[in-house]
Structures are given as C-alpha cells and as structure tokens.
C-alpha cells in the first residue's frame, strides 16, 4: 500500500510505523504478515496529538504497539 509520509517521519521512533497520509491517517504494521492497520482522524489536530504522543515519543504506551508486541512478538 503506497503511503505519502509527512515531514514527521524523521521524528518517528515506533518500530511499527509504516507511514501517514495527508495528516489524517497513520498506517502501522498489521497483525498478520503483509498487512497494515490504519488509524483515521477527523482533524489534523487529532492526528498530530496521536503522532507526536505515540509515534514520535512514548510508543510503548500506544495500544497498537502493545497489541502487536503481545500477539506477534511475544517471546521474541
């Protein structure tokens, strides 16, 4: 799935981040191989809060990060 990543890509620390589109959607690694999870936001402000809080800083607190770690990478 092609994505148009914004300038924030250089600040992202989350290992599951795949890209973002138009400051409205964050794309993460999916639960199964060769899949993605997409988070869509109603405003660019909501997008920015999520991206800055979790993708770029405290990614270990993100629900998607925790889900992927528990389901895909537990015991790795």
Protein backbone atom coordinates (compact mmCIF):
# COMPACT_ATOMS: atom_id res chain seq x y z
CA UNK A 1 0.00 0.00 0.00
CA UNK A 2 1.70 3.25 -1.05
CA UNK A 3 1.71 5.99 1.53
CA UNK A 4 2.61 9.64 1.46
CA UNK A 5 4.68 10.25 4.55
CA UNK A 6 4.83 13.68 6.05
CA UNK A 7 7.79 15.54 7.45
CA UNK A 8 7.22 13.80 10.82
CA UNK A 9 8.69 10.54 9.51
CA UNK A 10 12.16 11.67 10.58
CA UNK A 11 10.95 12.00 14.20
CA UNK A 12 9.12 8.67 14.43
CA UNK A 13 10.53 6.20 16.95
CA UNK A 14 7.86 3.49 16.83
CA UNK A 15 9.11 0.34 15.09
CA UNK A 16 5.60 -0.43 13.77
CA UNK A 17 5.02 2.90 11.98
CA UNK A 18 4.69 2.45 8.22
CA UNK A 19 3.60 5.90 7.06
CA UNK A 20 0.90 8.53 7.15
CA UNK A 21 -1.34 10.26 4.66
CA UNK A 22 -2.42 13.87 4.48
CA UNK A 23 -2.15 14.43 8.26
CA UNK A 24 -5.38 12.44 8.68
CA UNK A 25 -4.25 8.80 8.76
CA UNK A 26 -1.46 6.84 10.43
CA UNK A 27 -0.51 3.46 8.95
CA UNK A 28 1.09 0.83 11.18
CA UNK A 29 2.30 -2.72 10.74
CA UNK A 30 -0.58 -5.17 10.75
CA UNK A 31 -1.39 -8.13 12.95
CA UNK A 32 -0.56 -10.66 10.22
CA UNK A 33 2.28 -10.68 7.70
CA UNK A 34 1.96 -8.27 4.77
CA UNK A 35 -0.92 -6.35 6.37
CA UNK A 36 -1.35 -2.88 7.85
CA UNK A 37 -3.53 -1.15 10.42
CA UNK A 38 -4.86 2.29 9.62
CA UNK A 39 -5.90 4.95 12.15
CA UNK A 40 -8.07 7.68 10.60
CA UNK A 41 -8.63 11.03 12.31
CA UNK A 42 -11.35 13.63 11.91
CA UNK A 43 -8.91 16.52 12.14
CA UNK A 44 -5.24 17.21 11.61
CA UNK A 45 -5.06 18.31 15.25
CA UNK A 46 -6.19 14.87 16.45
CA UNK A 47 -3.69 13.28 14.05
CA UNK A 48 -0.89 15.48 15.43
CA UNK A 49 -1.69 14.64 19.05
CA UNK A 50 -1.59 10.89 18.33
CA UNK A 51 1.51 11.08 16.14
CA UNK A 52 3.50 13.28 18.50
CA UNK A 53 2.44 11.44 21.63
CA UNK A 54 2.88 7.87 20.46
CA UNK A 55 4.65 7.56 17.09
CA UNK A 56 7.39 10.04 17.95
CA UNK A 57 7.72 9.72 21.72
CA UNK A 58 6.05 7.23 24.05
CA UNK A 59 5.34 4.50 21.51
CA UNK A 60 5.50 1.79 24.21
CA UNK A 61 2.22 3.26 25.59
CA UNK A 62 0.37 3.04 22.25
CA UNK A 63 -2.42 0.48 22.15
CA UNK A 64 -1.36 -0.74 18.71
CA UNK A 65 2.25 -1.18 19.83
CA UNK A 66 1.11 -3.16 22.89
CA UNK A 67 -1.24 -5.31 20.81
CA UNK A 68 1.44 -6.14 18.24
CA UNK A 69 4.03 -6.90 20.88
CA UNK A 70 1.63 -9.21 22.72
CA UNK A 71 0.27 -11.00 19.66
CA UNK A 72 3.11 -11.10 17.13
CA UNK A 73 6.32 -10.63 19.05
CA UNK A 74 5.68 -12.13 22.47
CA UNK A 75 8.65 -14.24 23.36
CA UNK A 76 10.82 -12.97 20.51
